[in-house]
């Protein structure tokens, strides 16, 4: 336990605190804005988390068919939730362009 706690604390101090300080002060990056953007992704994760909890309680995922259907449902719920709650307009435009390109390649 002591070795794990020491490794975890060293990673937190080195990778989180010191590197963010360095990025903010020395490279003049807006780390507060970066972390606000990262934390805003949590809004998009709430719905898929609820889906997983409900499916975990109500669905027997030991069956292959139910496992695949539940997993497919999770992909759909996750994509929809991220689109509605977490992505900004620039990210949505990137996804739209990607699907537009796929559609062009399919027609050829």
C-alpha atoms as a PDB file:
ATOM      1  CA  UNK A   1       0.000   0.000   0.000  1.00  0.00           C
ATOM      2  CA  UNK A   2       2.842   2.360   0.837  1.00  0.00           C
ATOM      3  CA  UNK A   3       4.552   1.870  -2.505  1.00  0.00           C
ATOM      4  CA  UNK A   4       1.309   2.472  -4.388  1.00  0.00           C
ATOM      5  CA  UNK A   5       0.542   5.578  -2.338  1.00  0.00           C
ATOM      6  CA  UNK A   6       4.045   6.917  -2.951  1.00  0.00           C
ATOM      7  CA  UNK A   7       3.829   6.288  -6.680  1.00  0.00           C
ATOM      8  CA  UNK A   8       0.368   7.869  -6.880  1.00  0.00           C
ATOM      9  CA  UNK A   9       1.401  10.950  -4.925  1.00  0.00           C
ATOM     10  CA  UNK A  10       4.536  11.377  -7.058  1.00  0.00           C
ATOM     11  CA  UNK A  11       2.431  11.149 -10.229  1.00  0.00           C
ATOM     12  CA  UNK A  12      -0.093  13.664  -8.932  1.00  0.00           C
ATOM     13  CA  UNK A  13       2.555  16.141  -7.830  1.00  0.00           C
ATOM     14  CA  UNK A  14       4.724  15.716 -10.918  1.00  0.00           C
ATOM     15  CA  UNK A  15       2.243  15.184 -13.713  1.00  0.00           C
ATOM     16  CA  UNK A  16      -0.708  17.202 -12.466  1.00  0.00           C
ATOM     17  CA  UNK A  17       0.518  20.039 -10.312  1.00  0.00           C
ATOM     18  CA  UNK A  18       4.002  20.767 -11.632  1.00  0.00           C
ATOM     19  CA  UNK A  19       3.255  20.215 -15.310  1.00  0.00           C
ATOM     20  CA  UNK A  20       0.100  22.352 -15.187  1.00  0.00           C
ATOM     21  CA  UNK A  21       2.030  25.092 -13.406  1.00  0.00           C
ATOM     22  CA  UNK A  22       4.754  24.864 -16.066  1.00  0.00           C
ATOM     23  CA  UNK A  23       2.253  24.993 -18.928  1.00  0.00           C
ATOM     24  CA  UNK A  24       0.459  27.960 -17.367  1.00  0.00           C
ATOM     25  CA  UNK A  25       3.420  30.057 -16.212  1.00  0.00           C
ATOM     26  CA  UNK A  26       6.226  29.211 -18.609  1.00  0.00           C
ATOM     27  CA  UNK A  27       4.396  28.366 -21.834  1.00  0.00           C
ATOM     28  CA  UNK A  28       1.546  30.811 -21.104  1.00  0.00           C
ATOM     29  CA  UNK A  29      -1.190  28.313 -21.928  1.00  0.00           C
ATOM     30  CA  UNK A  30      -4.631  28.913 -20.425  1.00  0.00           C
ATOM     31  CA  UNK A  31      -4.799  25.802 -18.266  1.00  0.00           C
ATOM     32  CA  UNK A  32      -7.904  26.993 -16.406  1.00  0.00           C
ATOM     33  CA  UNK A  33      -9.794  27.074 -19.710  1.00  0.00           C
ATOM     34  CA  UNK A  34      -8.395  23.651 -20.636  1.00  0.00           C
ATOM     35  CA  UNK A  35      -9.595  22.072 -17.388  1.00  0.00           C
ATOM     36  CA  UNK A  36     -13.010  23.742 -17.684  1.00  0.00           C
ATOM     37  CA  UNK A  37     -13.347  22.159 -21.123  1.00  0.00           C
ATOM     38  CA  UNK A  38     -12.277  18.771 -19.786  1.00  0.00           C
ATOM     39  CA  UNK A  39     -14.698  18.969 -16.864  1.00  0.00           C
ATOM     40  CA  UNK A  40     -17.544  19.941 -19.209  1.00  0.00           C
ATOM     41  CA  UNK A  41     -17.255  16.443 -20.694  1.00  0.00           C
ATOM     42  CA  UNK A  42     -18.726  15.165 -17.421  1.00  0.00           C
ATOM     43  CA  UNK A  43     -22.142  16.468 -18.484  1.00  0.00           C
ATOM     44  CA  UNK A  44     -22.051  14.113 -21.444  1.00  0.00           C
ATOM     45  CA  UNK A  45     -21.031  11.146 -19.301  1.00  0.00           C
ATOM     46  CA  UNK A  46     -23.968  11.299 -16.887  1.00  0.00           C
ATOM     47  CA  UNK A  47     -26.531   9.733 -19.236  1.00  0.00           C
ATOM     48  CA  UNK A  48     -24.297   6.811 -20.340  1.00  0.00           C
ATOM     49  CA  UNK A  49     -23.391   6.162 -16.696  1.00  0.00           C
ATOM     50  CA  UNK A  50     -27.090   5.946 -15.794  1.00  0.00           C
ATOM     51  CA  UNK A  51     -27.645   3.642 -18.789  1.00  0.00           C
ATOM     52  CA  UNK A  52     -24.874   1.332 -17.549  1.00  0.00           C
ATOM     53  CA  UNK A  53     -26.278   1.255 -14.023  1.00  0.00           C
ATOM     54  CA  UNK A  54     -29.804   0.485 -15.229  1.00  0.00           C
ATOM     55  CA  UNK A  55     -28.612  -2.187 -17.683  1.00  0.00           C
ATOM     56  CA  UNK A  56     -26.379  -3.701 -15.021  1.00  0.00           C
ATOM     57  CA  UNK A  57     -29.385  -4.119 -12.726  1.00  0.00           C
ATOM     58  CA  UNK A  58     -31.995  -5.160 -15.285  1.00  0.00           C
ATOM     59  CA  UNK A  59     -30.224  -6.995 -18.129  1.00  0.00           C
ATOM     60  CA  UNK A  60     -28.509 -10.368 -17.977  1.00  0.00           C
ATOM     61  CA  UNK A  61     -25.380  -9.577 -19.974  1.00  0.00           C
ATOM     62  CA  UNK A  62     -24.069 -13.121 -19.671  1.00  0.00           C
ATOM     63  CA  UNK A  63     -26.058 -13.955 -22.794  1.00  0.00           C
ATOM     64  CA  UNK A  64     -24.122 -13.082 -25.961  1.00  0.00           C
ATOM     65  CA  UNK A  65     -27.132 -11.519 -27.681  1.00  0.00           C
ATOM     66  CA  UNK A  66     -28.048  -9.312 -24.714  1.00  0.00           C
ATOM     67  CA  UNK A  67     -24.389  -8.369 -24.247  1.00  0.00           C
ATOM     68  CA  UNK A  68     -24.104  -7.225 -27.873  1.00  0.00           C
ATOM     69  CA  UNK A  69     -27.445  -5.396 -27.787  1.00  0.00           C
ATOM     70  CA  UNK A  70     -26.602  -3.679 -24.497  1.00  0.00           C
ATOM     71  CA  UNK A  71     -23.167  -2.705 -25.808  1.00  0.00           C
ATOM     72  CA  UNK A  72     -24.675  -1.362 -29.033  1.00  0.00           C
ATOM     73  CA  UNK A  73     -27.191   0.603 -26.997  1.00  0.00           C
ATOM     74  CA  UNK A  74     -24.370   2.049 -24.917  1.00  0.00           C
ATOM     75  CA  UNK A  75     -22.558   3.210 -28.058  1.00  0.00           C
ATOM     76  CA  UNK A  76     -25.721   4.950 -29.291  1.00  0.00           C
ATOM     77  CA  UNK A  77     -26.462   6.526 -25.890  1.00  0.00           C
ATOM     78  CA  UNK A  78     -22.835   7.645 -25.480  1.00  0.00           C
ATOM     79  CA  UNK A  79     -22.628   9.218 -28.951  1.00  0.00           C
ATOM     80  CA  UNK A  80     -25.960  10.988 -28.538  1.00  0.00           C
ATOM     81  CA  UNK A  81     -25.149  12.239 -25.068  1.00  0.00           C
ATOM     82  CA  UNK A  82     -21.749  13.564 -26.078  1.00  0.00           C
ATOM     83  CA  UNK A  83     -23.266  15.257 -29.131  1.00  0.00           C
ATOM     84  CA  UNK A  84     -26.023  16.926 -27.103  1.00  0.00           C
ATOM     85  CA  UNK A  85     -24.245  17.799 -23.863  1.00  0.00           C
ATOM     86  CA  UNK A  86     -20.458  17.749 -24.265  1.00  0.00           C
ATOM     87  CA  UNK A  87     -19.382  18.750 -27.779  1.00  0.00           C
ATOM     88  CA  UNK A  88     -18.957  22.369 -28.796  1.00  0.00           C
ATOM     89  CA  UNK A  89     -19.840  23.584 -32.281  1.00  0.00           C
ATOM     90  CA  UNK A  90     -16.293  23.150 -33.638  1.00  0.00           C
ATOM     91  CA  UNK A  91     -16.193  19.511 -32.550  1.00  0.00           C
ATOM     92  CA  UNK A  92     -19.631  18.891 -34.061  1.00  0.00           C
ATOM     93  CA  UNK A  93     -18.437  20.371 -37.349  1.00  0.00           C
ATOM     94  CA  UNK A  94     -15.419  18.036 -37.343  1.00  0.00           C
ATOM     95  CA  UNK A  95     -17.737  15.034 -36.952  1.00  0.00           C
ATOM     96  CA  UNK A  96     -20.065  16.331 -39.665  1.00  0.00           C
ATOM     97  CA  UNK A  97     -17.145  16.758 -42.083  1.00  0.00           C
ATOM     98  CA  UNK A  98     -15.891  13.254 -41.300  1.00  0.00           C
ATOM     99  CA  UNK A  99     -19.281  11.730 -42.124  1.00  0.00           C
ATOM    100  CA  UNK A 100     -19.578  13.892 -45.240  1.00  0.00           C
ATOM    101  CA  UNK A 101     -16.202  12.575 -46.425  1.00  0.00           C
ATOM    102  CA  UNK A 102     -17.264   8.981 -45.767  1.00  0.00           C
ATOM    103  CA  UNK A 103     -20.383   9.568 -47.820  1.00  0.00           C
ATOM    104  CA  UNK A 104     -18.325  10.924 -50.737  1.00  0.00           C
ATOM    105  CA  UNK A 105     -16.028   7.881 -50.695  1.00  0.00           C
ATOM    106  CA  UNK A 106     -19.010   5.530 -50.670  1.00  0.00           C
ATOM    107  CA  UNK A 107     -20.500   6.985 -53.850  1.00  0.00           C
ATOM    108  CA  UNK A 108     -17.362   6.281 -55.918  1.00  0.00           C
END
